[in-house]
Structures are given as structure tokens and as C-alpha cells.
N, C-alpha and C. Protein backbone atom coordinates (compact mmCIF):
# COMPACT_ATOMS: atom_id res chain seq x y z
N TRP A 1 37.15 173.37 -67.21
CA TRP A 1 36.21 173.95 -66.26
C TRP A 1 37.50 174.43 -65.06
N GLN A 2 37.00 175.24 -63.89
CA GLN A 2 37.86 176.01 -63.32
C GLN A 2 37.60 175.44 -62.10
N LYS A 3 39.35 176.07 -61.26
CA LYS A 3 39.33 174.93 -59.80
C LYS A 3 38.61 176.55 -59.09
N ASN A 4 38.41 176.14 -58.34
CA ASN A 4 37.75 176.95 -57.23
C ASN A 4 38.69 178.30 -56.79
N GLY A 5 38.82 179.48 -56.61
CA GLY A 5 40.48 179.73 -56.11
C GLY A 5 41.12 180.07 -56.90
N GLY A 6 41.22 179.27 -58.05
CA GLY A 6 42.93 178.78 -59.01
C GLY A 6 42.27 179.57 -60.23
N GLY A 7 43.20 179.40 -60.89
CA GLY A 7 43.20 179.43 -62.51
C GLY A 7 42.76 178.13 -63.46
N THR A 8 42.83 178.61 -64.73
CA THR A 8 41.85 177.67 -65.39
C THR A 8 43.04 176.23 -65.44
N VAL A 9 42.20 175.49 -65.40
CA VAL A 9 43.44 173.99 -65.69
C VAL A 9 42.87 173.76 -67.10
N GLN A 10 44.30 172.81 -67.27
CA GLN A 10 44.33 172.48 -68.66
C GLN A 10 45.22 171.16 -68.96
N MET A 11 44.53 170.41 -69.78
CA MET A 11 45.22 168.95 -70.51
C MET A 11 45.63 168.80 -71.30
N VAL A 12 46.95 168.14 -70.92
CA VAL A 12 47.68 167.99 -72.53
C VAL A 12 48.08 166.55 -72.64
N THR A 13 47.82 166.21 -73.72
CA THR A 13 47.85 164.98 -74.49
C THR A 13 49.30 164.43 -74.90
N ALA A 14 50.32 163.28 -74.75
CA ALA A 14 50.60 163.29 -76.05
C ALA A 14 50.60 161.59 -75.84
N THR A 15 51.46 160.32 -76.87
CA THR A 15 50.89 159.81 -77.37
C THR A 15 52.13 158.98 -78.26
N ALA A 16 52.78 157.62 -78.12
CA ALA A 16 53.98 156.96 -78.10
C ALA A 16 53.44 155.50 -78.79
N SER A 17 54.41 155.59 -79.43
CA SER A 17 53.63 153.62 -79.86
C SER A 17 55.22 152.67 -80.22
N ASP A 18 55.24 151.25 -79.84
CA ASP A 18 56.25 150.56 -79.95
C ASP A 18 55.73 149.38 -80.05
N TRP A 19 56.39 148.81 -80.42
CA TRP A 19 56.85 146.86 -80.04
C TRP A 19 56.77 146.65 -78.83
N ASN A 20 57.08 146.98 -77.57
CA ASN A 20 57.41 146.90 -76.68
C ASN A 20 57.24 147.98 -75.10
N GLN A 21 57.36 148.11 -74.27
CA GLN A 21 57.16 149.36 -73.36
C GLN A 21 57.09 150.43 -73.98
N PRO A 22 56.22 150.44 -74.65
CA PRO A 22 56.02 152.05 -74.85
C PRO A 22 55.83 153.49 -74.02
N ILE A 23 56.98 154.30 -74.31
CA ILE A 23 56.30 155.60 -72.47
C ILE A 23 55.67 156.62 -73.39
N ALA A 24 55.41 157.73 -72.85
CA ALA A 24 54.59 159.03 -73.32
C ALA A 24 54.89 160.51 -72.36
N THR A 25 55.85 161.29 -72.57
CA THR A 25 54.96 162.43 -71.50
C THR A 25 54.51 163.19 -72.02
N ALA A 26 53.51 163.55 -71.68
CA ALA A 26 53.16 164.69 -71.41
C ALA A 26 53.79 166.06 -70.97
N THR A 27 53.66 166.90 -71.57
CA THR A 27 53.87 168.29 -70.63
C THR A 27 53.38 169.57 -70.50
N CYS A 28 53.62 170.32 -69.30
CA CYS A 28 52.74 171.79 -69.60
C CYS A 28 53.63 172.59 -70.25
N PRO A 29 52.24 173.53 -70.50
CA PRO A 29 52.96 174.82 -71.31
C PRO A 29 53.42 175.70 -70.18
N SER A 30 54.96 176.71 -70.87
CA SER A 30 55.41 177.21 -70.22
C SER A 30 54.72 178.52 -69.29
N GLY A 31 55.04 177.77 -67.88
CA GLY A 31 54.66 178.55 -66.65
C GLY A 31 54.02 177.90 -65.81
N LYS A 32 53.03 177.06 -66.69
CA LYS A 32 52.32 175.66 -65.32
C LYS A 32 52.88 174.91 -65.01
N LYS A 33 52.67 174.29 -63.82
CA LYS A 33 52.62 173.73 -63.29
C LYS A 33 51.83 171.73 -63.55
N VAL A 34 52.33 170.82 -63.41
CA VAL A 34 51.31 169.58 -63.08
C VAL A 34 50.39 169.23 -62.17
N THR A 35 49.42 169.45 -61.93
CA THR A 35 48.49 169.39 -60.63
C THR A 35 48.27 168.06 -60.66
N GLY A 36 47.78 167.11 -62.04
CA GLY A 36 48.06 165.89 -61.81
C GLY A 36 47.46 164.62 -63.18
N GLY A 37 47.28 163.40 -63.09
CA GLY A 37 47.58 163.32 -64.80
C GLY A 37 47.56 161.91 -64.83
N GLY A 38 47.82 161.26 -66.11
CA GLY A 38 47.08 159.30 -65.78
C GLY A 38 47.58 159.44 -67.42
N GLY A 39 47.06 157.68 -67.64
CA GLY A 39 47.86 156.90 -68.41
C GLY A 39 46.63 155.84 -69.21
N MET A 40 46.90 155.56 -70.36
CA MET A 40 45.88 154.96 -70.71
C MET A 40 46.29 153.88 -71.52
N CYS A 41 46.60 152.21 -72.13
CA CYS A 41 47.35 151.64 -72.72
C CYS A 41 46.17 150.77 -74.00
N SER A 42 46.28 151.22 -75.35
CA SER A 42 45.21 150.93 -76.38
C SER A 42 45.27 149.53 -76.86
N PHE A 43 46.42 148.13 -76.40
CA PHE A 43 45.93 146.93 -76.26
C PHE A 43 45.11 146.42 -74.79
N SER A 44 44.78 145.63 -75.19
CA SER A 44 43.81 145.10 -73.94
C SER A 44 44.54 144.14 -73.32
N ASN A 45 46.18 143.84 -73.87
CA ASN A 45 46.47 142.67 -73.18
C ASN A 45 47.65 143.50 -72.81
N ALA A 46 47.68 145.21 -71.85
CA ALA A 46 48.63 145.37 -71.79
C ALA A 46 48.15 146.41 -71.01
N ILE A 47 49.13 146.30 -69.87
CA ILE A 47 49.00 146.84 -68.36
C ILE A 47 49.33 148.13 -67.88
N LEU A 48 48.97 149.92 -67.33
CA LEU A 48 49.58 149.91 -67.11
C LEU A 48 50.97 150.21 -66.02
N LYS A 49 51.96 150.08 -66.62
CA LYS A 49 52.64 150.12 -65.35
C LYS A 49 53.72 151.01 -64.72
N ARG A 50 53.64 152.33 -65.77
CA ARG A 50 53.72 153.62 -64.37
C ARG A 50 53.44 154.76 -64.86
N SER A 51 52.61 156.31 -64.17
CA SER A 51 51.82 157.06 -64.16
C SER A 51 52.45 157.67 -62.73
N SER A 52 52.80 159.02 -63.56
CA SER A 52 53.58 159.70 -62.01
C SER A 52 53.94 160.98 -62.75
N PRO A 53 54.11 161.90 -62.03
CA PRO A 53 55.01 162.98 -61.97
C PRO A 53 56.37 163.02 -62.87
N SER A 54 57.06 163.22 -63.45
CA SER A 54 58.15 163.89 -64.00
C SER A 54 58.46 165.08 -63.96
N GLY A 55 59.26 165.46 -62.36
CA GLY A 55 59.41 166.96 -62.37
C GLY A 55 58.14 167.77 -61.85
N ASN A 56 58.22 169.00 -61.98
CA ASN A 56 57.06 169.55 -61.66
C ASN A 56 55.98 170.29 -62.51
N SER A 57 56.33 169.84 -64.20
CA SER A 57 55.82 170.30 -65.45
C SER A 57 55.16 169.37 -66.33
N ALA A 58 55.36 168.14 -65.46
CA ALA A 58 55.13 166.42 -66.97
C ALA A 58 54.60 166.46 -65.81
N TRP A 59 54.18 164.94 -66.93
CA TRP A 59 53.55 164.04 -66.30
C TRP A 59 53.71 162.21 -67.59
N VAL A 60 54.41 161.11 -67.02
CA VAL A 60 55.43 160.22 -67.67
C VAL A 60 54.00 158.64 -67.25
N ALA A 61 53.57 158.20 -68.28
CA ALA A 61 52.93 157.15 -67.94
C ALA A 61 53.69 156.27 -69.38
N GLY A 62 53.48 154.37 -68.95
CA GLY A 62 54.36 153.55 -70.04
C GLY A 62 53.58 152.66 -69.61
N CYS A 63 52.87 151.95 -70.82
CA CYS A 63 52.85 150.22 -70.74
C CYS A 63 53.44 150.02 -71.09
N SER A 64 53.00 148.10 -70.76
CA SER A 64 53.63 146.80 -70.68
C SER A 64 52.97 145.87 -71.63
N GLN A 65 53.07 144.57 -72.02
CA GLN A 65 52.50 143.12 -72.53
C GLN A 65 52.20 142.72 -71.75
N ASN A 66 50.83 142.12 -70.95
CA ASN A 66 50.73 141.04 -69.49
C ASN A 66 50.45 139.73 -70.93
N THR A 67 51.04 139.49 -71.57
CA THR A 67 51.16 138.56 -72.77
C THR A 67 52.51 138.05 -73.99
N ASN A 68 52.82 137.28 -73.93
CA ASN A 68 53.19 136.65 -74.78
C ASN A 68 53.53 137.36 -76.19
N GLN A 69 52.13 137.65 -76.85
CA GLN A 69 51.92 138.07 -78.45
C GLN A 69 52.68 139.34 -78.68
N ASN A 70 53.69 139.27 -79.72
CA ASN A 70 54.51 140.30 -79.95
C ASN A 70 53.44 141.33 -80.99
N GLN A 71 52.73 142.08 -80.17
CA GLN A 71 51.77 143.40 -80.61
C GLN A 71 52.18 144.69 -80.37
N TYR A 72 52.35 145.54 -81.34
CA TYR A 72 52.19 146.69 -81.99
C TYR A 72 51.33 147.43 -81.22
N TYR A 73 51.68 148.46 -79.78
CA TYR A 73 51.10 149.21 -79.14
C TYR A 73 50.95 150.61 -78.70
N SER A 74 50.07 151.52 -77.88
CA SER A 74 50.46 152.67 -77.76
C SER A 74 49.75 152.54 -76.28
N VAL A 75 50.83 153.88 -76.06
CA VAL A 75 49.91 154.77 -74.37
C VAL A 75 50.07 156.32 -74.49
N THR A 76 48.67 156.78 -74.01
CA THR A 76 48.43 157.59 -74.08
C THR A 76 48.53 158.24 -72.62
N THR A 77 49.03 160.04 -72.50
CA THR A 77 49.44 160.06 -71.32
C THR A 77 48.42 161.69 -71.33
N TYR A 78 47.29 161.74 -69.88
CA TYR A 78 47.30 163.19 -69.60
C TYR A 78 47.91 163.44 -69.09
N ALA A 79 48.32 164.75 -68.62
CA ALA A 79 48.35 165.68 -67.69
C ALA A 79 47.98 166.95 -67.77
N LEU A 80 47.22 167.17 -66.38
CA LEU A 80 46.32 168.67 -65.61
C LEU A 80 47.64 169.65 -65.42
N CYS A 81 46.92 170.62 -65.66
CA CYS A 81 47.98 171.90 -65.79
C CYS A 81 47.75 173.07 -65.18
N GLN A 82 48.37 173.65 -64.15
CA GLN A 82 47.80 174.63 -63.80
C GLN A 82 48.86 175.96 -63.62
């Protein structure tokens, strides 16, 4: 899709897995800036604890367990780049 009066918006993803608090950073291609983003946890008892820009060209997201279970899970981070 395309923003009115602007360039093409590209979505970049990154995934990380861990036993405790995975964090992933999605980085825009060279010359593009991050205009938005988000994150999603793969485990139903995990909560998204962090989702924010990281500088001008990346988005970072991290999850944490909301339970005492020792569960391996992942976070997927999305960056919208333009």
C-alpha cells in the first residue's frame, strides 16, 4: 500500500525465541526510516512488555511470561518503513 503524497511503505519483520523475555528488533532497509511498528507474542500466557521505536530506523518489541510456567516462546516484531 502507499501513503498519499509519500513513498511506498514497507513492512519488515524479525523474530526471536527464548525461555525468558525474548526481544526482537526489526530494522528498516538502508535509507528508510521507521514510521510505526508493533509486536506479537507466540505464547498465550505471555504479555507484550515493550514495543517502541529504536532510533530512526528500527522497531523493538519484547515479551514476558505472565505465569510461573517455564515455557519456550517467541516474539515477532513489525516495523513500517518509508
